Amino acid sequence: MSANFGSNYYYEMNAAWTPQYTSIISYWKMDGDLTDSIGTNNGTVTNVTYTTSAEVGSAAAVFNGSSSLVTMGTQTNLAFKLTTAFSIAGWVYFASTPATQQGLVVDFNTVSDHGYALSITASAAFQFFVGSGVTNWSMCTSASASPGWHHLAAVWDGTNATLYVDTVAVTPTNMGTVATINNTQPFYLGGSATTGLFQGTLDDFAIWTSAFTANDVKTIYTHQKH
């Protein structure tokens, strides 16, 4: 059951209930700023505004689809290697089907296809890609989603990618064998120059250095969903 501490104050993550809390390396609550409340990945914020129509906490970050972006630079603790399991979770709101693919969380080299990217496609499907080359990748693409708020959890266990959309797992499509995925590209929230800029709202995103189970995803969703 969701908990409400007054208008828009649903559970933000803390040690009392959040799965694998000690493995969180960055947590952007987006309550009026893009400060990393656990780590040091604060980044450069360009043309991001905030709304009180949030899914979690007191506010959420609004991206305009043309110039809004958060750039972290090359962060070594976010450029994961093959043997490093990781999970990304947060809330995404969009009002209409995008005209083109738009990035949400991106650390990816489009020349070598090394890295990972969480995005929304031109058919309003959510997609999670992990790759180490044009013929070595693992990718999940959901069914087209309806406009509104959705909870995403992207999981890499060292071998396969799994994407959960509102707790429902999307089976990956694999090609080849993913080797080292780390790269020297900047880390972005809200898109990148190569994946397209996001038009919509992001809220309560975090990154873990561990792989979620399905129950972990359900725990977060249950505590945070209105």
C-alpha atoms as a PDB file:
ATOM      1  CA  MET A   1       0.000   0.000   0.000  1.00  0.00           C
ATOM      2  CA  SER A   2       1.293   3.473  -0.855  1.00  0.00           C
ATOM      3  CA  ALA A   3       1.916   5.931   1.953  1.00  0.00           C
ATOM      4  CA  ASN A   4       1.128   9.628   1.723  1.00  0.00           C
ATOM      5  CA  PHE A   5       2.550  12.347   3.967  1.00  0.00           C
ATOM      6  CA  GLY A   6       0.317  15.036   2.457  1.00  0.00           C
ATOM      7  CA  SER A   7      -0.027  16.152  -1.160  1.00  0.00           C
ATOM      8  CA  ASN A   8       2.674  14.578  -3.384  1.00  0.00           C
ATOM      9  CA  TYR A   9       4.748  13.242  -0.444  1.00  0.00           C
ATOM     10  CA  TYR A  10       4.989   9.565  -1.221  1.00  0.00           C
ATOM     11  CA  TYR A  11       7.931   7.580   0.068  1.00  0.00           C
ATOM     12  CA  GLU A  12      11.342   8.726  -1.062  1.00  0.00           C
ATOM     13  CA  MET A  13      13.978   6.033  -0.706  1.00  0.00           C
ATOM     14  CA  ASN A  14      15.685   5.431   2.631  1.00  0.00           C
ATOM     15  CA  ALA A  15      17.460   2.654   4.502  1.00  0.00           C
ATOM     16  CA  ALA A  16      14.309   1.550   6.330  1.00  0.00           C
ATOM     17  CA  TRP A  17      12.561   0.009   3.314  1.00  0.00           C
ATOM     18  CA  THR A  18      14.569   0.427   0.101  1.00  0.00           C
ATOM     19  CA  PRO A  19      15.960  -2.819  -1.350  1.00  0.00           C
ATOM     20  CA  GLN A  20      19.773  -3.070  -1.477  1.00  0.00           C
ATOM     21  CA  TYR A  21      20.008   0.477  -0.142  1.00  0.00           C
ATOM     22  CA  THR A  22      23.724   0.286   0.711  1.00  0.00           C
ATOM     23  CA  SER A  23      24.602  -0.328  -2.943  1.00  0.00           C
ATOM     24  CA  ILE A  24      23.042   2.928  -4.169  1.00  0.00           C
ATOM     25  CA  ILE A  25      25.784   5.119  -5.630  1.00  0.00           C
ATOM     26  CA  SER A  26      23.633   8.023  -6.864  1.00  0.00           C
ATOM     27  CA  TYR A  27      20.136   9.199  -5.976  1.00  0.00           C
ATOM     28  CA  TRP A  28      18.513  12.207  -7.613  1.00  0.00           C
ATOM     29  CA  LYS A  29      15.285  13.012  -5.739  1.00  0.00           C
ATOM     30  CA  MET A  30      14.587  15.942  -8.113  1.00  0.00           C
ATOM     31  CA  ASP A  31      12.787  17.886  -5.379  1.00  0.00           C
ATOM     32  CA  GLY A  32      13.574  21.269  -6.912  1.00  0.00           C
ATOM     33  CA  ASP A  33      17.158  20.483  -7.920  1.00  0.00           C
ATOM     34  CA  LEU A  34      19.313  17.723  -9.428  1.00  0.00           C
ATOM     35  CA  THR A  35      21.597  17.240  -6.427  1.00  0.00           C
ATOM     36  CA  ASP A  36      22.852  13.692  -5.889  1.00  0.00           C
ATOM     37  CA  SER A  37      21.689  13.062  -2.317  1.00  0.00           C
ATOM     38  CA  ILE A  38      23.921   9.998  -1.795  1.00  0.00           C
ATOM     39  CA  GLY A  39      26.918  10.373  -4.108  1.00  0.00           C
ATOM     40  CA  THR A  40      28.744  13.238  -5.807  1.00  0.00           C
ATOM     41  CA  ASN A  41      27.294  13.001  -9.324  1.00  0.00           C
ATOM     42  CA  ASN A  42      25.588  16.400  -9.391  1.00  0.00           C
ATOM     43  CA  GLY A  43      26.343  17.398 -12.966  1.00  0.00           C
ATOM     44  CA  THR A  44      25.613  20.496 -15.026  1.00  0.00           C
ATOM     45  CA  VAL A  45      21.902  21.298 -15.323  1.00  0.00           C
ATOM     46  CA  THR A  46      20.669  23.079 -18.452  1.00  0.00           C
ATOM     47  CA  ASN A  47      17.121  24.452 -18.830  1.00  0.00           C
ATOM     48  CA  VAL A  48      15.439  22.005 -16.457  1.00  0.00           C
ATOM     49  CA  THR A  49      12.398  23.273 -14.574  1.00  0.00           C
ATOM     50  CA  TYR A  50      10.404  21.684 -11.769  1.00  0.00           C
ATOM     51  CA  THR A  51       6.787  20.836 -11.105  1.00  0.00           C
ATOM     52  CA  THR A  52       4.928  19.972  -7.927  1.00  0.00           C
ATOM     53  CA  SER A  53       2.919  17.412  -9.934  1.00  0.00           C
ATOM     54  CA  ALA A  54       5.357  14.735  -8.827  1.00  0.00           C
ATOM     55  CA  GLU A  55       4.991  11.000  -8.360  1.00  0.00           C
ATOM     56  CA  VAL A  56       7.370  10.973  -5.366  1.00  0.00           C
ATOM     57  CA  GLY A  57       8.366  13.749  -2.982  1.00  0.00           C
ATOM     58  CA  SER A  58       7.602  17.445  -3.373  1.00  0.00           C
ATOM     59  CA  ALA A  59       8.691  18.042  -6.986  1.00  0.00           C
ATOM     60  CA  ALA A  60       9.873  16.447 -10.224  1.00  0.00           C
ATOM     61  CA  ALA A  61      12.189  17.572 -13.029  1.00  0.00           C
ATOM     62  CA  VAL A  62      10.674  18.783 -16.308  1.00  0.00           C
ATOM     63  CA  PHE A  63      12.623  18.405 -19.576  1.00  0.00           C
ATOM     64  CA  ASN A  64      11.480  20.448 -22.587  1.00  0.00           C
ATOM     65  CA  GLY A  65      12.682  18.136 -25.383  1.00  0.00           C
ATOM     66  CA  SER A  66      14.783  20.817 -27.074  1.00  0.00           C
ATOM     67  CA  SER A  67      17.439  22.115 -24.685  1.00  0.00           C
ATOM     68  CA  SER A  68      16.939  20.496 -21.241  1.00  0.00           C
ATOM     69  CA  LEU A  69      19.755  18.183 -20.188  1.00  0.00           C
ATOM     70  CA  VAL A  70      21.807  17.098 -17.174  1.00  0.00           C
ATOM     71  CA  THR A  71      25.435  16.282 -17.997  1.00  0.00           C
ATOM     72  CA  MET A  72      27.589  14.499 -15.429  1.00  0.00           C
ATOM     73  CA  GLY A  73      30.789  14.293 -17.440  1.00  0.00           C
ATOM     74  CA  THR A  74      32.814  11.080 -17.462  1.00  0.00           C
ATOM     75  CA  GLN A  75      32.032   9.483 -14.110  1.00  0.00           C
ATOM     76  CA  THR A  76      34.070   6.340 -13.469  1.00  0.00           C
ATOM     77  CA  ASN A  77      31.592   4.977 -10.931  1.00  0.00           C
ATOM     78  CA  LEU A  78      28.798   5.146 -13.538  1.00  0.00           C
ATOM     79  CA  ALA A  79      30.765   3.629 -16.448  1.00  0.00           C
ATOM     80  CA  PHE A  80      30.146   0.039 -15.447  1.00  0.00           C
ATOM     81  CA  LYS A  81      32.279  -2.888 -16.571  1.00  0.00           C
ATOM     82  CA  LEU A  82      31.019  -6.269 -17.709  1.00  0.00           C
ATOM     83  CA  THR A  83      31.417  -7.908 -14.318  1.00  0.00           C
ATOM     84  CA  THR A  84      29.567  -5.114 -12.520  1.00  0.00           C
ATOM     85  CA  ALA A  85      25.883  -5.696 -11.977  1.00  0.00           C
ATOM     86  CA  PHE A  86      23.817  -2.540 -11.784  1.00  0.00           C
ATOM     87  CA  SER A  87      20.224  -1.344 -11.579  1.00  0.00           C
ATOM     88  CA  ILE A  88      18.547   1.940 -12.489  1.00  0.00           C
ATOM     89  CA  ALA A  89      15.098   2.879 -11.197  1.00  0.00           C
ATOM     90  CA  GLY A  90      12.875   5.925 -11.392  1.00  0.00           C
ATOM     91  CA  TRP A  91       9.619   7.441 -12.585  1.00  0.00           C
ATOM     92  CA  VAL A  92       8.919   8.807 -16.075  1.00  0.00           C
ATOM     93  CA  TYR A  93       5.989  10.906 -17.284  1.00  0.00           C
ATOM     94  CA  PHE A  94       5.207  11.703 -20.919  1.00  0.00           C
ATOM     95  CA  ALA A  95       2.111  13.393 -22.335  1.00  0.00           C
ATOM     96  CA  SER A  96       2.187  12.147 -25.943  1.00  0.00           C
ATOM     97  CA  THR A  97       4.062   9.733 -28.197  1.00  0.00           C
ATOM     98  CA  PRO A  98       7.551  11.104 -28.997  1.00  0.00           C
ATOM     99  CA  ALA A  99       8.366  12.094 -32.573  1.00  0.00           C
ATOM    100  CA  THR A 100      11.775  10.413 -32.261  1.00  0.00           C
ATOM    101  CA  GLN A 101      13.639   8.226 -29.777  1.00  0.00           C
ATOM    102  CA  GLN A 102      14.527  10.146 -26.621  1.00  0.00           C
ATOM    103  CA  GLY A 103      17.113   9.302 -23.970  1.00  0.00           C
ATOM    104  CA  LEU A 104      16.315   9.079 -20.259  1.00  0.00           C
ATOM    105  CA  VAL A 105      19.522   7.760 -18.636  1.00  0.00           C
ATOM    106  CA  VAL A 106      22.484   7.484 -20.997  1.00  0.00           C
ATOM    107  CA  ASP A 107      26.158   6.462 -20.733  1.00  0.00           C
ATOM    108  CA  PHE A 108      26.782   5.297 -24.268  1.00  0.00           C
ATOM    109  CA  ASN A 109      29.264   5.616 -27.151  1.00  0.00           C
ATOM    110  CA  THR A 110      27.287   5.456 -30.399  1.00  0.00           C
ATOM    111  CA  VAL A 111      30.439   4.961 -32.469  1.00  0.00           C
ATOM    112  CA  SER A 112      31.565   1.767 -30.722  1.00  0.00           C
ATOM    113  CA  ASP A 113      28.160   0.808 -29.232  1.00  0.00           C
ATOM    114  CA  HIS A 114      29.762   0.486 -25.795  1.00  0.00           C
ATOM    115  CA  GLY A 115      27.726   1.375 -22.727  1.00  0.00           C
ATOM    116  CA  TYR A 116      24.086   1.486 -21.702  1.00  0.00           C
ATOM    117  CA  ALA A 117      21.018   3.583 -22.442  1.00  0.00           C
ATOM    118  CA  LEU A 118      17.493   3.764 -21.064  1.00  0.00           C
ATOM    119  CA  SER A 119      15.176   5.540 -23.479  1.00  0.00           C
ATOM    120  CA  ILE A 120      11.667   5.940 -24.892  1.00  0.00           C
ATOM    121  CA  THR A 121      11.150   5.181 -28.573  1.00  0.00           C
ATOM    122  CA  ALA A 122       9.095   6.906 -31.283  1.00  0.00           C
ATOM    123  CA  SER A 123       6.352   4.328 -30.656  1.00  0.00           C
ATOM    124  CA  ALA A 124       6.257   5.168 -26.911  1.00  0.00           C
ATOM    125  CA  ALA A 125       7.981   1.909 -25.979  1.00  0.00           C
ATOM    126  CA  PHE A 126      10.583   1.941 -23.222  1.00  0.00           C
ATOM    127  CA  GLN A 127      13.958   0.467 -24.142  1.00  0.00           C
ATOM    128  CA  PHE A 128      17.043  -0.613 -22.187  1.00  0.00           C
ATOM    129  CA  PHE A 129      20.238  -1.363 -24.130  1.00  0.00           C
ATOM    130  CA  VAL A 130      23.561  -2.710 -22.867  1.00  0.00           C
ATOM    131  CA  GLY A 131      26.280  -3.286 -25.442  1.00  0.00           C
ATOM    132  CA  SER A 132      29.964  -3.778 -26.190  1.00  0.00           C
ATOM    133  CA  GLY A 133      29.847  -3.489 -29.976  1.00  0.00           C
ATOM    134  CA  VAL A 134      27.486  -3.509 -32.932  1.00  0.00           C
ATOM    135  CA  THR A 135      27.136  -7.318 -32.804  1.00  0.00           C
ATOM    136  CA  ASN A 136      27.321  -7.810 -29.030  1.00  0.00           C
ATOM    137  CA  TRP A 137      24.403  -6.481 -27.048  1.00  0.00           C
ATOM    138  CA  SER A 138      21.408  -7.218 -24.840  1.00  0.00           C
ATOM    139  CA  MET A 139      18.278  -5.122 -25.311  1.00  0.00           C
ATOM    140  CA  CYS A 140      14.754  -4.965 -23.871  1.00  0.00           C
ATOM    141  CA  THR A 141      11.929  -3.147 -25.646  1.00  0.00           C
ATOM    142  CA  SER A 142       8.527  -2.909 -23.989  1.00  0.00           C
ATOM    143  CA  ALA A 143       5.141  -2.692 -25.606  1.00  0.00           C
ATOM    144  CA  SER A 144       3.964   0.832 -26.394  1.00  0.00           C
ATOM    145  CA  ALA A 145       3.046   2.635 -23.179  1.00  0.00           C
ATOM    146  CA  SER A 146       0.142   4.984 -22.615  1.00  0.00           C
ATOM    147  CA  PRO A 147       0.846   8.610 -21.672  1.00  0.00           C
ATOM    148  CA  GLY A 148       1.193   9.231 -17.951  1.00  0.00           C
ATOM    149  CA  TRP A 149       3.499   8.147 -15.125  1.00  0.00           C
ATOM    150  CA  HIS A 150       5.418   4.865 -15.395  1.00  0.00           C
ATOM    151  CA  HIS A 151       7.946   3.230 -13.099  1.00  0.00           C
ATOM    152  CA  LEU A 152      11.056   1.883 -14.826  1.00  0.00           C
ATOM    153  CA  ALA A 153      13.668  -0.466 -13.399  1.00  0.00           C
ATOM    154  CA  ALA A 154      16.543  -1.404 -15.701  1.00  0.00           C
ATOM    155  CA  VAL A 155      18.730  -4.288 -14.501  1.00  0.00           C
ATOM    156  CA  TRP A 156      22.037  -5.659 -15.767  1.00  0.00           C
ATOM    157  CA  ASP A 157      23.142  -8.857 -14.003  1.00  0.00           C
ATOM    158  CA  GLY A 158      26.477  -9.188 -15.803  1.00  0.00           C
ATOM    159  CA  THR A 159      25.014 -11.300 -18.616  1.00  0.00           C
ATOM    160  CA  ASN A 160      21.508 -10.145 -19.504  1.00  0.00           C
ATOM    161  CA  ALA A 161      19.510  -6.950 -19.465  1.00  0.00           C
ATOM    162  CA  THR A 162      16.021  -6.894 -17.946  1.00  0.00           C
ATOM    163  CA  LEU A 163      13.615  -3.979 -18.024  1.00  0.00           C
ATOM    164  CA  TYR A 164      10.624  -3.727 -15.687  1.00  0.00           C
ATOM    165  CA  VAL A 165       7.823  -1.365 -16.675  1.00  0.00           C
ATOM    166  CA  ASP A 166       5.393  -0.882 -13.786  1.00  0.00           C
ATOM    167  CA  THR A 167       6.822  -4.137 -12.294  1.00  0.00           C
ATOM    168  CA  VAL A 168       6.245  -6.177 -15.487  1.00  0.00           C
ATOM    169  CA  ALA A 169       9.469  -7.727 -16.830  1.00  0.00           C
ATOM    170  CA  VAL A 170      10.444  -7.348 -20.487  1.00  0.00           C
ATOM    171  CA  THR A 171      12.423 -10.288 -21.886  1.00  0.00           C
ATOM    172  CA  PRO A 172      15.719  -9.277 -23.524  1.00  0.00           C
ATOM    173  CA  THR A 173      16.832  -9.889 -27.087  1.00  0.00           C
ATOM    174  CA  ASN A 174      20.516 -10.815 -27.171  1.00  0.00           C
ATOM    175  CA  MET A 175      23.091 -10.734 -29.971  1.00  0.00           C
ATOM    176  CA  GLY A 176      26.565 -12.140 -29.467  1.00  0.00           C
ATOM    177  CA  THR A 177      28.241 -11.896 -26.081  1.00  0.00           C
ATOM    178  CA  VAL A 178      28.524  -8.595 -24.261  1.00  0.00           C
ATOM    179  CA  ALA A 179      32.122  -7.957 -23.212  1.00  0.00           C
ATOM    180  CA  THR A 180      33.432  -4.800 -21.506  1.00  0.00           C
ATOM    181  CA  ILE A 181      30.738  -2.111 -21.592  1.00  0.00           C
ATOM    182  CA  ASN A 182      32.545   0.725 -19.836  1.00  0.00           C
ATOM    183  CA  ASN A 183      33.444   3.785 -21.911  1.00  0.00           C
ATOM    184  CA  THR A 184      34.703   7.334 -21.568  1.00  0.00           C
ATOM    185  CA  GLN A 185      31.477   9.035 -22.646  1.00  0.00           C
ATOM    186  CA  PRO A 186      29.670  11.527 -20.405  1.00  0.00           C
ATOM    187  CA  PHE A 187      26.733  10.355 -18.308  1.00  0.00           C
ATOM    188  CA  TYR A 188      23.427  12.101 -19.010  1.00  0.00           C
ATOM    189  CA  LEU A 189      19.955  12.435 -17.550  1.00  0.00           C
ATOM    190  CA  GLY A 190      17.226  13.500 -19.976  1.00  0.00           C
ATOM    191  CA  GLY A 191      18.872  12.366 -23.201  1.00  0.00           C
ATOM    192  CA  SER A 192      22.059  13.150 -25.053  1.00  0.00           C
ATOM    193  CA  ALA A 193      23.109  14.693 -28.340  1.00  0.00           C
ATOM    194  CA  THR A 194      23.002  11.264 -29.976  1.00  0.00           C
ATOM    195  CA  THR A 195      19.961   9.622 -28.365  1.00  0.00           C
ATOM    196  CA  GLY A 196      17.638  12.623 -28.562  1.00  0.00           C
ATOM    197  CA  LEU A 197      16.431  14.906 -25.777  1.00  0.00           C
ATOM    198  CA  PHE A 198      13.517  13.880 -23.580  1.00  0.00           C
ATOM    199  CA  GLN A 199      10.253  15.804 -23.452  1.00  0.00           C
ATOM    200  CA  GLY A 200       8.487  14.977 -20.216  1.00  0.00           C
ATOM    201  CA  THR A 201       9.121  14.625 -16.498  1.00  0.00           C
ATOM    202  CA  LEU A 202      11.569  12.510 -14.479  1.00  0.00           C
ATOM    203  CA  ASP A 203      11.291  11.819 -10.772  1.00  0.00           C
ATOM    204  CA  ASP A 204      13.244   9.984  -8.073  1.00  0.00           C
ATOM    205  CA  PHE A 205      15.973   8.240 -10.085  1.00  0.00           C
ATOM    206  CA  ALA A 206      18.703   6.164  -8.473  1.00  0.00           C
ATOM    207  CA  ILE A 207      21.484   3.804  -9.544  1.00  0.00           C
ATOM    208  CA  TRP A 208      22.643   0.701  -7.654  1.00  0.00           C
ATOM    209  CA  THR A 209      25.800  -1.402  -8.067  1.00  0.00           C
ATOM    210  CA  SER A 210      23.734  -4.568  -7.743  1.00  0.00           C
ATOM    211  CA  ALA A 211      21.065  -6.397  -9.706  1.00  0.00           C
ATOM    212  CA  PHE A 212      17.441  -6.129  -8.590  1.00  0.00           C
ATOM    213  CA  THR A 213      15.173  -9.103  -8.188  1.00  0.00           C
ATOM    214  CA  ALA A 214      11.552  -8.889  -9.288  1.00  0.00           C
ATOM    215  CA  ASN A 215      10.561  -8.534  -5.635  1.00  0.00           C
ATOM    216  CA  ASP A 216      12.942  -5.585  -5.210  1.00  0.00           C
ATOM    217  CA  VAL A 217      11.210  -3.803  -8.081  1.00  0.00           C
ATOM    218  CA  LYS A 218       7.777  -4.504  -6.603  1.00  0.00           C
ATOM    219  CA  THR A 219       8.858  -3.167  -3.218  1.00  0.00           C
ATOM    220  CA  ILE A 220       9.902   0.183  -4.665  1.00  0.00           C
ATOM    221  CA  TYR A 221       6.803   0.431  -6.842  1.00  0.00           C
ATOM    222  CA  THR A 222       4.476  -0.376  -3.972  1.00  0.00           C
ATOM    223  CA  HIS A 223       6.026   2.198  -1.648  1.00  0.00           C
ATOM    224  CA  GLN A 224       6.033   4.968  -4.246  1.00  0.00           C
ATOM    225  CA  LYS A 225       3.019   4.532  -6.529  1.00  0.00           C
ATOM    226  CA  HIS A 226       0.108   6.900  -5.897  1.00  0.00           C
END
